[in-house]
PDB file of N, CA and C in Angstrom:
ATOM      1  N   MET A   1      46.306 161.819 -43.631  1.00  0.00           N
ATOM      2  CA  MET A   1      47.230 161.249 -42.683  1.00  0.00           C
ATOM      3  C   MET A   1      47.926 162.307 -41.825  1.00  0.00           C
ATOM      4  N   ASP A   2      47.794 163.553 -42.244  1.00  0.00           N
ATOM      5  CA  ASP A   2      48.448 164.612 -41.503  1.00  0.00           C
ATOM      6  C   ASP A   2      47.794 164.848 -40.150  1.00  0.00           C
ATOM      7  N   LYS A   3      46.524 164.558 -40.084  1.00  0.00           N
ATOM      8  CA  LYS A   3      45.798 164.787 -38.838  1.00  0.00           C
ATOM      9  C   LYS A   3      45.818 163.511 -37.986  1.00  0.00           C
ATOM     10  N   ILE A   4      46.123 163.682 -36.733  1.00  0.00           N
ATOM     11  CA  ILE A   4      46.065 162.569 -35.792  1.00  0.00           C
ATOM     12  C   ILE A   4      44.740 162.687 -35.057  1.00  0.00           C
ATOM     13  N   LYS A   5      43.993 161.584 -35.026  1.00  0.00           N
ATOM     14  CA  LYS A   5      42.700 161.611 -34.338  1.00  0.00           C
ATOM     15  C   LYS A   5      42.921 161.717 -32.837  1.00  0.00           C
ATOM     16  N   ARG A   6      42.170 162.546 -32.215  1.00  0.00           N
ATOM     17  CA  ARG A   6      42.208 162.704 -30.765  1.00  0.00           C
ATOM     18  C   ARG A   6      41.035 161.951 -30.164  1.00  0.00           C
ATOM     19  N   LEU A   7      41.236 161.486 -28.960  1.00  0.00           N
ATOM     20  CA  LEU A   7      40.142 160.809 -28.265  1.00  0.00           C
ATOM     21  C   LEU A   7      39.077 161.822 -27.895  1.00  0.00           C
ATOM     22  N   LYS A   8      37.867 161.467 -28.147  1.00  0.00           N
ATOM     23  CA  LYS A   8      36.745 162.317 -27.766  1.00  0.00           C
ATOM     24  C   LYS A   8      36.244 161.852 -26.406  1.00  0.00           C
ATOM     25  N   MET A   9      35.413 162.662 -25.786  1.00  0.00           N
ATOM     26  CA  MET A   9      34.883 162.343 -24.458  1.00  0.00           C
ATOM     27  C   MET A   9      34.169 160.993 -24.469  1.00  0.00           C
ATOM     28  N   GLY A  10      33.386 160.695 -25.491  1.00  0.00           N
ATOM     29  CA  GLY A  10      32.679 159.413 -25.586  1.00  0.00           C
ATOM     30  C   GLY A  10      33.636 158.241 -25.659  1.00  0.00           C
ATOM     31  N   ASP A  11      34.753 158.390 -26.401  1.00  0.00           N
ATOM     32  CA  ASP A  11      35.766 157.335 -26.484  1.00  0.00           C
ATOM     33  C   ASP A  11      36.393 157.079 -25.116  1.00  0.00           C
ATOM     34  N   LEU A  12      36.675 158.134 -24.392  1.00  0.00           N
ATOM     35  CA  LEU A  12      37.268 158.017 -23.064  1.00  0.00           C
ATOM     36  C   LEU A  12      36.315 157.307 -22.096  1.00  0.00           C
ATOM     37  N   ILE A  13      35.034 157.615 -22.165  1.00  0.00           N
ATOM     38  CA  ILE A  13      34.039 156.979 -21.298  1.00  0.00           C
ATOM     39  C   ILE A  13      33.939 155.496 -21.616  1.00  0.00           C
ATOM     40  N   VAL A  14      33.894 155.121 -22.887  1.00  0.00           N
ATOM     41  CA  VAL A  14      33.816 153.711 -23.275  1.00  0.00           C
ATOM     42  C   VAL A  14      35.070 152.967 -22.820  1.00  0.00           C
ATOM     43  N   PHE A  15      36.235 153.576 -23.009  1.00  0.00           N
ATOM     44  CA  PHE A  15      37.483 152.938 -22.578  1.00  0.00           C
ATOM     45  C   PHE A  15      37.494 152.731 -21.063  1.00  0.00           C
ATOM     46  N   THR A  16      37.085 153.735 -20.299  1.00  0.00           N
ATOM     47  CA  THR A  16      37.057 153.642 -18.840  1.00  0.00           C
ATOM     48  C   THR A  16      36.084 152.569 -18.365  1.00  0.00           C
ATOM     49  N   LEU A  17      34.896 152.519 -18.960  1.00  0.00           N
ATOM     50  CA  LEU A  17      33.929 151.483 -18.582  1.00  0.00           C
ATOM     51  C   LEU A  17      34.449 150.088 -18.900  1.00  0.00           C
ATOM     52  N   GLY A  18      35.105 149.930 -20.029  1.00  0.00           N
ATOM     53  CA  GLY A  18      35.693 148.640 -20.390  1.00  0.00           C
ATOM     54  C   GLY A  18      36.766 148.218 -19.403  1.00  0.00           C
ATOM     55  N   LEU A  19      37.618 149.153 -19.012  1.00  0.00           N
ATOM     56  CA  LEU A  19      38.666 148.867 -18.044  1.00  0.00           C
ATOM     57  C   LEU A  19      38.073 148.476 -16.692  1.00  0.00           C
ATOM     58  N   LEU A  20      37.049 149.187 -16.250  1.00  0.00           N
ATOM     59  CA  LEU A  20      36.388 148.844 -14.986  1.00  0.00           C
ATOM     60  C   LEU A  20      35.754 147.462 -15.046  1.00  0.00           C
ATOM     61  N   LEU A  21      35.165 147.109 -16.177  1.00  0.00           N
ATOM     62  CA  LEU A  21      34.566 145.787 -16.345  1.00  0.00           C
ATOM     63  C   LEU A  21      35.622 144.694 -16.249  1.00  0.00           C
ATOM     64  N   VAL A  22      36.764 144.904 -16.866  1.00  0.00           N
ATOM     65  CA  VAL A  22      37.855 143.920 -16.798  1.00  0.00           C
ATOM     66  C   VAL A  22      38.355 143.776 -15.367  1.00  0.00           C
ATOM     67  N   LEU A  23      38.565 144.893 -14.674  1.00  0.00           N
ATOM     68  CA  LEU A  23      39.045 144.841 -13.287  1.00  0.00           C
ATOM     69  C   LEU A  23      38.029 144.160 -12.368  1.00  0.00           C
ATOM     70  N   ALA A  24      36.745 144.443 -12.553  1.00  0.00           N
ATOM     71  CA  ALA A  24      35.711 143.798 -11.736  1.00  0.00           C
ATOM     72  C   ALA A  24      35.688 142.294 -12.007  1.00  0.00           C
ATOM     73  N   SER A  25      35.837 141.902 -13.249  1.00  0.00           N
ATOM     74  CA  SER A  25      35.854 140.478 -13.594  1.00  0.00           C
ATOM     75  C   SER A  25      37.027 139.773 -12.936  1.00  0.00           C
ATOM     76  N   LEU A  26      38.200 140.406 -12.946  1.00  0.00           N
ATOM     77  CA  LEU A  26      39.361 139.817 -12.287  1.00  0.00           C
ATOM     78  C   LEU A  26      39.142 139.705 -10.788  1.00  0.00           C
ATOM     79  N   GLY A  27      38.524 140.712 -10.192  1.00  0.00           N
ATOM     80  CA  GLY A  27      38.232 140.660  -8.753  1.00  0.00           C
ATOM     81  C   GLY A  27      37.316 139.508  -8.407  1.00  0.00           C
ATOM     82  N   PHE A  28      36.266 139.301  -9.186  1.00  0.00           N
ATOM     83  CA  PHE A  28      35.362 138.179  -8.933  1.00  0.00           C
ATOM     84  C   PHE A  28      36.070 136.852  -9.153  1.00  0.00           C
ATOM     85  N   TYR A  29      36.923 136.788 -10.140  1.00  0.00           N
ATOM     86  CA  TYR A  29      37.630 135.540 -10.442  1.00  0.00           C
ATOM     87  C   TYR A  29      38.540 135.131  -9.280  1.00  0.00           C
ATOM     88  N   PHE A  30      39.329 136.090  -8.771  1.00  0.00           N
ATOM     89  CA  PHE A  30      40.270 135.753  -7.715  1.00  0.00           C
ATOM     90  C   PHE A  30      39.626 135.622  -6.344  1.00  0.00           C
ATOM     91  N   ASN A  31      38.436 136.169  -6.138  1.00  0.00           N
ATOM     92  CA  ASN A  31      37.765 136.063  -4.852  1.00  0.00           C
ATOM     93  C   ASN A  31      36.638 135.046  -4.849  1.00  0.00           C
ATOM     94  N   SER A  32      36.466 134.320  -5.936  1.00  0.00           N
ATOM     95  CA  SER A  32      35.404 133.316  -5.952  1.00  0.00           C
ATOM     96  C   SER A  32      35.773 132.178  -5.016  1.00  0.00           C
ATOM     97  N   GLY A  33      34.810 131.489  -4.528  1.00  0.00           N
ATOM     98  CA  GLY A  33      35.040 130.421  -3.560  1.00  0.00           C
ATOM     99  C   GLY A  33      34.218 130.698  -2.330  1.00  0.00           C
ATOM    100  N   THR A  34      34.799 131.425  -1.389  1.00  0.00           N
ATOM    101  CA  THR A  34      34.049 131.765  -0.179  1.00  0.00           C
ATOM    102  C   THR A  34      34.088 133.268   0.031  1.00  0.00           C
ATOM    103  N   ALA A  35      33.110 133.759   0.732  1.00  0.00           N
ATOM    104  CA  ALA A  35      33.070 135.182   1.062  1.00  0.00           C
ATOM    105  C   ALA A  35      34.118 135.477   2.117  1.00  0.00           C
ATOM    106  N   GLN A  36      34.596 136.713   2.164  1.00  0.00           N
ATOM    107  CA  GLN A  36      35.577 137.083   3.165  1.00  0.00           C
ATOM    108  C   GLN A  36      34.994 136.841   4.556  1.00  0.00           C
ATOM    109  N   GLY A  37      35.820 136.311   5.434  1.00  0.00           N
ATOM    110  CA  GLY A  37      35.394 136.099   6.803  1.00  0.00           C
ATOM    111  C   GLY A  37      34.824 134.718   7.059  1.00  0.00           C
ATOM    112  N   GLU A  38      34.553 133.941   6.018  1.00  0.00           N
ATOM    113  CA  GLU A  38      34.055 132.587   6.202  1.00  0.00           C
ATOM    114  C   GLU A  38      35.195 131.612   5.973  1.00  0.00           C
ATOM    115  N   PRO A  39      35.304 130.565   6.803  1.00  0.00           N
ATOM    116  CA  PRO A  39      36.378 129.611   6.600  1.00  0.00           C
ATOM    117  C   PRO A  39      36.183 128.838   5.299  1.00  0.00           C
ATOM    118  N   ASP A  40      37.271 128.545   4.627  1.00  0.00           N
ATOM    119  CA  ASP A  40      37.252 127.798   3.378  1.00  0.00           C
ATOM    120  C   ASP A  40      37.488 126.334   3.725  1.00  0.00           C
ATOM    121  N   ASP A  41      36.393 125.544   3.865  1.00  0.00           N
ATOM    122  CA  ASP A  41      36.463 124.150   4.294  1.00  0.00           C
ATOM    123  C   ASP A  41      37.231 124.088   5.608  1.00  0.00           C
ATOM    124  N   ARG A  42      38.438 123.546   5.568  1.00  0.00           N
ATOM    125  CA  ARG A  42      39.254 123.471   6.775  1.00  0.00           C
ATOM    126  C   ARG A  42      40.491 124.317   6.575  1.00  0.00           C
ATOM    127  N   SER A  43      40.550 125.430   7.243  1.00  0.00           N
ATOM    128  CA  SER A  43      41.724 126.293   7.194  1.00  0.00           C
ATOM    129  C   SER A  43      42.521 126.087   8.472  1.00  0.00           C
ATOM    130  N   ILE A  44      43.798 125.857   8.301  1.00  0.00           N
ATOM    131  CA  ILE A  44      44.685 125.634   9.435  1.00  0.00           C
ATOM    132  C   ILE A  44      45.563 126.861   9.618  1.00  0.00           C
ATOM    133  N   ALA A  45      45.563 127.411  10.817  1.00  0.00           N
ATOM    134  CA  ALA A  45      46.434 128.539  11.143  1.00  0.00           C
ATOM    135  C   ALA A  45      47.684 127.989  11.820  1.00  0.00           C
ATOM    136  N   VAL A  46      48.833 128.437  11.353  1.00  0.00           N
ATOM    137  CA  VAL A  46      50.105 128.002  11.922  1.00  0.00           C
ATOM    138  C   VAL A  46      50.843 129.239  12.421  1.00  0.00           C
ATOM    139  N   VAL A  47      51.298 129.167  13.674  1.00  0.00           N
ATOM    140  CA  VAL A  47      52.071 130.251  14.283  1.00  0.00           C
ATOM    141  C   VAL A  47      53.484 129.734  14.497  1.00  0.00           C
ATOM    142  N   THR A  48      54.463 130.470  13.947  1.00  0.00           N
ATOM    143  CA  THR A  48      55.860 130.096  14.150  1.00  0.00           C
ATOM    144  C   THR A  48      56.617 131.265  14.750  1.00  0.00           C
ATOM    145  N   ARG A  49      57.623 130.928  15.535  1.00  0.00           N
ATOM    146  CA  ARG A  49      58.495 131.957  16.118  1.00  0.00           C
ATOM    147  C   ARG A  49      59.923 131.434  16.029  1.00  0.00           C
ATOM    148  N   ASN A  50      60.805 132.255  15.514  1.00  0.00           N
ATOM    149  CA  ASN A  50      62.203 131.867  15.311  1.00  0.00           C
ATOM    150  C   ASN A  50      62.318 130.578  14.498  1.00  0.00           C
ATOM    151  N   GLY A  51      61.389 130.374  13.562  1.00  0.00           N
ATOM    152  CA  GLY A  51      61.425 129.213  12.689  1.00  0.00           C
ATOM    153  C   GLY A  51      60.835 127.946  13.281  1.00  0.00           C
ATOM    154  N   SER A  52      60.392 127.985  14.541  1.00  0.00           N
ATOM    155  CA  SER A  52      59.809 126.808  15.187  1.00  0.00           C
ATOM    156  C   SER A  52      58.304 126.978  15.325  1.00  0.00           C
ATOM    157  N   LYS A  53      57.569 125.915  15.049  1.00  0.00           N
ATOM    158  CA  LYS A  53      56.112 125.959  15.176  1.00  0.00           C
ATOM    159  C   LYS A  53      55.725 126.073  16.642  1.00  0.00           C
ATOM    160  N   VAL A  54      54.911 127.090  16.940  1.00  0.00           N
ATOM    161  CA  VAL A  54      54.456 127.342  18.301  1.00  0.00           C
ATOM    162  C   VAL A  54      53.035 126.808  18.493  1.00  0.00           C
ATOM    163  N   ALA A  55      52.197 126.973  17.461  1.00  0.00           N
ATOM    164  CA  ALA A  55      50.801 126.545  17.568  1.00  0.00           C
ATOM    165  C   ALA A  55      50.261 126.227  16.181  1.00  0.00           C
ATOM    166  N   GLU A  56      49.284 125.320  16.160  1.00  0.00           N
ATOM    167  CA  GLU A  56      48.556 124.986  14.942  1.00  0.00           C
ATOM    168  C   GLU A  56      47.091 124.821  15.322  1.00  0.00           C
ATOM    169  N   LEU A  57      46.210 125.567  14.652  1.00  0.00           N
ATOM    170  CA  LEU A  57      44.792 125.577  14.999  1.00  0.00           C
ATOM    171  C   LEU A  57      43.936 125.342  13.765  1.00  0.00           C
ATOM    172  N   ASP A  58      42.916 124.516  13.906  1.00  0.00           N
ATOM    173  CA  ASP A  58      41.910 124.363  12.851  1.00  0.00           C
ATOM    174  C   ASP A  58      40.881 125.461  13.082  1.00  0.00           C
ATOM    175  N   LEU A  59      40.886 126.481  12.234  1.00  0.00           N
ATOM    176  CA  LEU A  59      40.030 127.653  12.451  1.00  0.00           C
ATOM    177  C   LEU A  59      38.544 127.343  12.304  1.00  0.00           C
ATOM    178  N   SER A  60      38.196 126.260  11.629  1.00  0.00           N
ATOM    179  CA  SER A  60      36.784 125.931  11.468  1.00  0.00           C
ATOM    180  C   SER A  60      36.193 125.312  12.732  1.00  0.00           C
ATOM    181  N   THR A  61      37.036 124.897  13.675  1.00  0.00           N
ATOM    182  CA  THR A  61      36.531 124.270  14.896  1.00  0.00           C
ATOM    183  C   THR A  61      36.623 125.172  16.118  1.00  0.00           C
ATOM    184  N   VAL A  62      37.205 126.366  15.970  1.00  0.00           N
ATOM    185  CA  VAL A  62      37.342 127.284  17.107  1.00  0.00           C
ATOM    186  C   VAL A  62      35.948 127.795  17.484  1.00  0.00           C
ATOM    187  N   GLN A  63      35.566 127.613  18.723  1.00  0.00           N
ATOM    188  CA  GLN A  63      34.248 128.041  19.196  1.00  0.00           C
ATOM    189  C   GLN A  63      34.309 129.382  19.921  1.00  0.00           C
ATOM    190  N   ALA A  64      35.258 129.509  20.834  1.00  0.00           N
ATOM    191  CA  ALA A  64      35.439 130.747  21.598  1.00  0.00           C
ATOM    192  C   ALA A  64      36.819 131.307  21.256  1.00  0.00           C
ATOM    193  N   PRO A  65      37.015 132.603  21.403  1.00  0.00           N
ATOM    194  CA  PRO A  65      38.337 133.171  21.101  1.00  0.00           C
ATOM    195  C   PRO A  65      39.451 132.467  21.881  1.00  0.00           C
ATOM    196  N   GLN A  66      40.519 132.133  21.163  1.00  0.00           N
ATOM    197  CA  GLN A  66      41.685 131.502  21.787  1.00  0.00           C
ATOM    198  C   GLN A  66      42.854 132.470  21.669  1.00  0.00           C
ATOM    199  N   TYR A  67      43.511 132.722  22.784  1.00  0.00           N
ATOM    200  CA  TYR A  67      44.617 133.668  22.825  1.00  0.00           C
ATOM    201  C   TYR A  67      45.938 132.924  22.939  1.00  0.00           C
ATOM    202  N   ILE A  68      46.905 133.356  22.156  1.00  0.00           N
ATOM    203  CA  ILE A  68      48.260 132.818  22.223  1.00  0.00           C
ATOM    204  C   ILE A  68      49.157 133.994  22.557  1.00  0.00           C
ATOM    205  N   THR A  69      49.821 133.936  23.711  1.00  0.00           N
ATOM    206  CA  THR A  69      50.736 135.001  24.120  1.00  0.00           C
ATOM    207  C   THR A  69      52.147 134.440  24.127  1.00  0.00           C
ATOM    208  N   LEU A  70      53.016 135.092  23.379  1.00  0.00           N
ATOM    209  CA  LEU A  70      54.421 134.718  23.329  1.00  0.00           C
ATOM    210  C   LEU A  70      55.198 135.839  23.993  1.00  0.00           C
ATOM    211  N   ASP A  71      55.862 135.522  25.124  1.00  0.00           N
ATOM    212  CA  ASP A  71      56.513 136.584  25.877  1.00  0.00           C
ATOM    213  C   ASP A  71      58.016 136.405  26.017  1.00  0.00           C
ATOM    214  N   ASP A  72      58.604 135.505  25.255  1.00  0.00           N
ATOM    215  CA  ASP A  72      60.063 135.385  25.272  1.00  0.00           C
ATOM    216  C   ASP A  72      60.628 136.354  24.240  1.00  0.00           C
ATOM    217  N   GLY A  73      61.200 137.452  24.729  1.00  0.00           N
ATOM    218  CA  GLY A  73      61.656 138.513  23.826  1.00  0.00           C
ATOM    219  C   GLY A  73      60.557 139.548  23.674  1.00  0.00           C
ATOM    220  N   ILE A  74      60.280 139.929  22.434  1.00  0.00           N
ATOM    221  CA  ILE A  74      59.204 140.888  22.181  1.00  0.00           C
ATOM    222  C   ILE A  74      57.871 140.165  22.356  1.00  0.00           C
ATOM    223  N   GLU A  75      57.024 140.704  23.221  1.00  0.00           N
ATOM    224  CA  GLU A  75      55.743 140.049  23.524  1.00  0.00           C
ATOM    225  C   GLU A  75      54.712 140.331  22.436  1.00  0.00           C
ATOM    226  N   VAL A  76      54.040 139.266  21.992  1.00  0.00           N
ATOM    227  CA  VAL A  76      52.938 139.393  21.040  1.00  0.00           C
ATOM    228  C   VAL A  76      51.764 138.573  21.550  1.00  0.00           C
ATOM    229  N   THR A  77      50.562 139.055  21.257  1.00  0.00           N
ATOM    230  CA  THR A  77      49.341 138.318  21.580  1.00  0.00           C
ATOM    231  C   THR A  77      48.578 138.115  20.282  1.00  0.00           C
ATOM    232  N   ILE A  78      48.229 136.859  20.032  1.00  0.00           N
ATOM    233  CA  ILE A  78      47.510 136.468  18.821  1.00  0.00           C
ATOM    234  C   ILE A  78      46.160 135.930  19.263  1.00  0.00           C
ATOM    235  N   VAL A  79      45.098 136.288  18.541  1.00  0.00           N
ATOM    236  CA  VAL A  79      43.771 135.784  18.877  1.00  0.00           C
ATOM    237  C   VAL A  79      43.202 135.046  17.661  1.00  0.00           C
ATOM    238  N   ALA A  80      42.717 133.836  17.943  1.00  0.00           N
ATOM    239  CA  ALA A  80      42.068 133.021  16.910  1.00  0.00           C
ATOM    240  C   ALA A  80      40.593 132.927  17.245  1.00  0.00           C
ATOM    241  N   GLU A  81      39.751 133.160  16.237  1.00  0.00           N
ATOM    242  CA  GLU A  81      38.307 133.034  16.379  1.00  0.00           C
ATOM    243  C   GLU A  81      37.821 132.135  15.257  1.00  0.00           C
ATOM    244  N   LYS A  82      36.551 131.795  15.255  1.00  0.00           N
ATOM    245  CA  LYS A  82      36.039 130.896  14.224  1.00  0.00           C
ATOM    246  C   LYS A  82      36.291 131.491  12.841  1.00  0.00           C
ATOM    247  N   GLY A  83      37.150 130.827  12.070  1.00  0.00           N
ATOM    248  CA  GLY A  83      37.440 131.227  10.704  1.00  0.00           C
ATOM    249  C   GLY A  83      38.458 132.333  10.534  1.00  0.00           C
ATOM    250  N   SER A  84      39.071 132.818  11.625  1.00  0.00           N
ATOM    251  CA  SER A  84      40.029 133.921  11.478  1.00  0.00           C
ATOM    252  C   SER A  84      41.082 133.898  12.577  1.00  0.00           C
ATOM    253  N   ILE A  85      42.175 134.597  12.288  1.00  0.00           N
ATOM    254  CA  ILE A  85      43.255 134.760  13.267  1.00  0.00           C
ATOM    255  C   ILE A  85      43.922 136.101  12.998  1.00  0.00           C
ATOM    256  N   ARG A  86      44.473 136.720  14.052  1.00  0.00           N
ATOM    257  CA  ARG A  86      45.122 138.018  13.882  1.00  0.00           C
ATOM    258  C   ARG A  86      46.056 138.298  15.047  1.00  0.00           C
ATOM    259  N   PHE A  87      47.012 139.216  14.818  1.00  0.00           N
ATOM    260  CA  PHE A  87      47.823 139.754  15.904  1.00  0.00           C
ATOM    261  C   PHE A  87      46.950 140.755  16.639  1.00  0.00           C
ATOM    262  N   LYS A  88      46.751 140.549  17.918  1.00  0.00           N
ATOM    263  CA  LYS A  88      45.944 141.486  18.713  1.00  0.00           C
ATOM    264  C   LYS A  88      46.818 142.608  19.256  1.00  0.00           C
ATOM    265  N   GLU A  89      47.978 142.244  19.816  1.00  0.00           N
ATOM    266  CA  GLU A  89      48.882 143.226  20.404  1.00  0.00           C
ATOM    267  C   GLU A  89      50.318 142.797  20.142  1.00  0.00           C
ATOM    268  N   ALA A  90      51.216 143.781  20.098  1.00  0.00           N
ATOM    269  CA  ALA A  90      52.642 143.497  19.955  1.00  0.00           C
ATOM    270  C   ALA A  90      53.440 144.628  20.590  1.00  0.00           C
ATOM    271  N   ASP A  91      54.550 144.276  21.226  1.00  0.00           N
ATOM    272  CA  ASP A  91      55.414 145.273  21.861  1.00  0.00           C
ATOM    273  C   ASP A  91      56.447 145.853  20.892  1.00  0.00           C
ATOM    274  N   CYS A  92      56.354 145.495  19.623  1.00  0.00           N
ATOM    275  CA  CYS A  92      57.303 146.024  18.638  1.00  0.00           C
ATOM    276  C   CYS A  92      56.993 147.501  18.373  1.00  0.00           C
ATOM    277  N   PRO A  93      57.963 148.264  17.880  1.00  0.00           N
ATOM    278  CA  PRO A  93      57.757 149.702  17.734  1.00  0.00           C
ATOM    279  C   PRO A  93      56.753 150.112  16.652  1.00  0.00           C
ATOM    280  N   ASP A  94      56.711 149.427  15.507  1.00  0.00           N
ATOM    281  CA  ASP A  94      55.857 149.893  14.415  1.00  0.00           C
ATOM    282  C   ASP A  94      54.491 149.216  14.339  1.00  0.00           C
ATOM    283  N   LYS A  95      54.329 148.056  14.926  1.00  0.00           N
ATOM    284  CA  LYS A  95      53.055 147.321  15.008  1.00  0.00           C
ATOM    285  C   LYS A  95      52.423 147.038  13.635  1.00  0.00           C
ATOM    286  N   ILE A  96      53.254 146.796  12.641  1.00  0.00           N
ATOM    287  CA  ILE A  96      52.755 146.464  11.306  1.00  0.00           C
ATOM    288  C   ILE A  96      51.944 145.175  11.355  1.00  0.00           C
ATOM    289  N   CYS A  97      52.368 144.232  12.196  1.00  0.00           N
ATOM    290  CA  CYS A  97      51.657 142.955  12.302  1.00  0.00           C
ATOM    291  C   CYS A  97      50.218 143.173  12.783  1.00  0.00           C
ATOM    292  N   VAL A  98      50.014 144.075  13.722  1.00  0.00           N
ATOM    293  CA  VAL A  98      48.670 144.357  14.232  1.00  0.00           C
ATOM    294  C   VAL A  98      47.849 145.072  13.155  1.00  0.00           C
ATOM    295  N   LYS A  99      48.492 145.982  12.428  1.00  0.00           N
ATOM    296  CA  LYS A  99      47.810 146.732  11.381  1.00  0.00           C
ATOM    297  C   LYS A  99      47.448 145.868  10.181  1.00  0.00           C
ATOM    298  N   THR A 100      48.065 144.695  10.053  1.00  0.00           N
ATOM    299  CA  THR A 100      47.743 143.788   8.945  1.00  0.00           C
ATOM    300  C   THR A 100      46.283 143.373   9.006  1.00  0.00           C
ATOM    301  N   GLY A 101      45.746 143.257  10.202  1.00  0.00           N
ATOM    302  CA  GLY A 101      44.332 142.932  10.358  1.00  0.00           C
ATOM    303  C   GLY A 101      44.071 141.442  10.460  1.00  0.00           C
ATOM    304  N   THR A 102      42.839 141.071  10.173  1.00  0.00           N
ATOM    305  CA  THR A 102      42.372 139.702  10.356  1.00  0.00           C
ATOM    306  C   THR A 102      42.657 138.862   9.118  1.00  0.00           C
ATOM    307  N   LEU A 103      43.195 137.680   9.345  1.00  0.00           N
ATOM    308  CA  LEU A 103      43.466 136.722   8.278  1.00  0.00           C
ATOM    309  C   LEU A 103      42.318 135.722   8.225  1.00  0.00           C
ATOM    310  N   THR A 104      41.777 135.471   7.029  1.00  0.00           N
ATOM    311  CA  THR A 104      40.635 134.561   6.916  1.00  0.00           C
ATOM    312  C   THR A 104      40.792 133.520   5.813  1.00  0.00           C
ATOM    313  N   GLN A 105      41.686 133.745   4.865  1.00  0.00           N
ATOM    314  CA  GLN A 105      41.787 132.876   3.700  1.00  0.00           C
ATOM    315  C   GLN A 105      43.132 132.150   3.646  1.00  0.00           C
ATOM    316  N   PRO A 106      43.144 130.923   3.135  1.00  0.00           N
ATOM    317  CA  PRO A 106      44.412 130.219   2.945  1.00  0.00           C
ATOM    318  C   PRO A 106      45.354 131.047   2.070  1.00  0.00           C
ATOM    319  N   GLY A 107      46.615 131.084   2.473  1.00  0.00           N
ATOM    320  CA  GLY A 107      47.615 131.861   1.746  1.00  0.00           C
ATOM    321  C   GLY A 107      47.900 133.201   2.386  1.00  0.00           C
ATOM    322  N   GLU A 108      47.018 133.685   3.248  1.00  0.00           N
ATOM    323  CA  GLU A 108      47.252 134.965   3.919  1.00  0.00           C
ATOM    324  C   GLU A 108      48.231 134.758   5.070  1.00  0.00           C
ATOM    325  N   GLN A 109      49.026 135.799   5.354  1.00  0.00           N
ATOM    326  CA  GLN A 109      49.946 135.729   6.479  1.00  0.00           C
ATOM    327  C   GLN A 109      50.218 137.115   7.035  1.00  0.00           C
ATOM    328  N   ALA A 110      50.621 137.146   8.287  1.00  0.00           N
ATOM    329  CA  ALA A 110      51.031 138.376   8.953  1.00  0.00           C
ATOM    330  C   ALA A 110      52.347 138.072   9.654  1.00  0.00           C
ATOM    331  N   ILE A 111      53.256 139.032   9.611  1.00  0.00           N
ATOM    332  CA  ILE A 111      54.594 138.805  10.150  1.00  0.00           C
ATOM    333  C   ILE A 111      54.969 139.947  11.080  1.00  0.00           C
ATOM    334  N   CYS A 112      55.509 139.580  12.234  1.00  0.00           N
ATOM    335  CA  CYS A 112      56.115 140.557  13.147  1.00  0.00           C
ATOM    336  C   CYS A 112      57.624 140.334  13.055  1.00  0.00           C
ATOM    337  N   MET A 113      58.279 141.167  12.269  1.00  0.00           N
ATOM    338  CA  MET A 113      59.715 140.990  12.036  1.00  0.00           C
ATOM    339  C   MET A 113      60.547 141.131  13.315  1.00  0.00           C
ATOM    340  N   PRO A 114      60.307 142.148  14.168  1.00  0.00           N
ATOM    341  CA  PRO A 114      61.153 142.276  15.361  1.00  0.00           C
ATOM    342  C   PRO A 114      61.078 141.055  16.282  1.00  0.00           C
ATOM    343  N   SER A 115      59.908 140.420  16.378  1.00  0.00           N
ATOM    344  CA  SER A 115      59.780 139.260  17.262  1.00  0.00           C
ATOM    345  C   SER A 115      59.998 137.945  16.523  1.00  0.00           C
ATOM    346  N   ARG A 116      60.168 138.023  15.189  1.00  0.00           N
ATOM    347  CA  ARG A 116      60.378 136.849  14.335  1.00  0.00           C
ATOM    348  C   ARG A 116      59.218 135.868  14.466  1.00  0.00           C
ATOM    349  N   THR A 117      57.984 136.426  14.465  1.00  0.00           N
ATOM    350  CA  THR A 117      56.765 135.633  14.587  1.00  0.00           C
ATOM    351  C   THR A 117      55.966 135.722  13.282  1.00  0.00           C
ATOM    352  N   ILE A 118      55.521 134.568  12.800  1.00  0.00           N
ATOM    353  CA  ILE A 118      54.723 134.512  11.570  1.00  0.00           C
ATOM    354  C   ILE A 118      53.423 133.782  11.852  1.00  0.00           C
ATOM    355  N   VAL A 119      52.326 134.375  11.400  1.00  0.00           N
ATOM    356  CA  VAL A 119      51.015 133.728  11.466  1.00  0.00           C
ATOM    357  C   VAL A 119      50.557 133.556  10.028  1.00  0.00           C
ATOM    358  N   ARG A 120      50.237 132.323   9.638  1.00  0.00           N
ATOM    359  CA  ARG A 120      49.769 132.086   8.273  1.00  0.00           C
ATOM    360  C   ARG A 120      48.620 131.086   8.274  1.00  0.00           C
ATOM    361  N   ILE A 121      47.800 131.175   7.249  1.00  0.00           N
ATOM    362  CA  ILE A 121      46.688 130.241   7.104  1.00  0.00           C
ATOM    363  C   ILE A 121      46.992 129.327   5.927  1.00  0.00           C
ATOM    364  N   LEU A 122      46.872 128.039   6.184  1.00  0.00           N
ATOM    365  CA  LEU A 122      47.090 127.023   5.169  1.00  0.00           C
ATOM    366  C   LEU A 122      45.792 126.296   4.895  1.00  0.00           C
ATOM    367  N   LYS A 123      45.620 125.794   3.699  1.00  0.00           N
ATOM    368  CA  LYS A 123      44.451 124.970   3.378  1.00  0.00           C
ATOM    369  C   LYS A 123      44.806 123.533   3.718  1.00  0.00           C
ATOM    370  N   ASP A 124      43.931 122.899   4.455  1.00  0.00           N
ATOM    371  CA  ASP A 124      44.193 121.515   4.859  1.00  0.00           C
ATOM    372  C   ASP A 124      43.953 120.584   3.697  1.00  0.00           C
TER     373      ASP A 124
END
């Protein structure tokens, strides 16, 4: 009992592989359903500004890119395409909303805090 067993290289490799297997399984579990970039049945994109709904789009029916420009206050441009929506441009200083990227799945959202604009995808 005086000696404490130390992990050997083989033990560390088995532990690491087991951990990677668990993480991969969780990734598949939470991403099962549809592949990224494909609409999940009917996904509805809702754009709000100052707490008021500005636009609502069924992303599964969008054929050509649709642009929404909000220019009261800080100007933002949002583009909706088949199965996705994103902030294209914003006059805010940090542009975190633009860096958020493309939204494709229900539950995803992007927020421009300075302009008080929220884009989110809901499952219909």
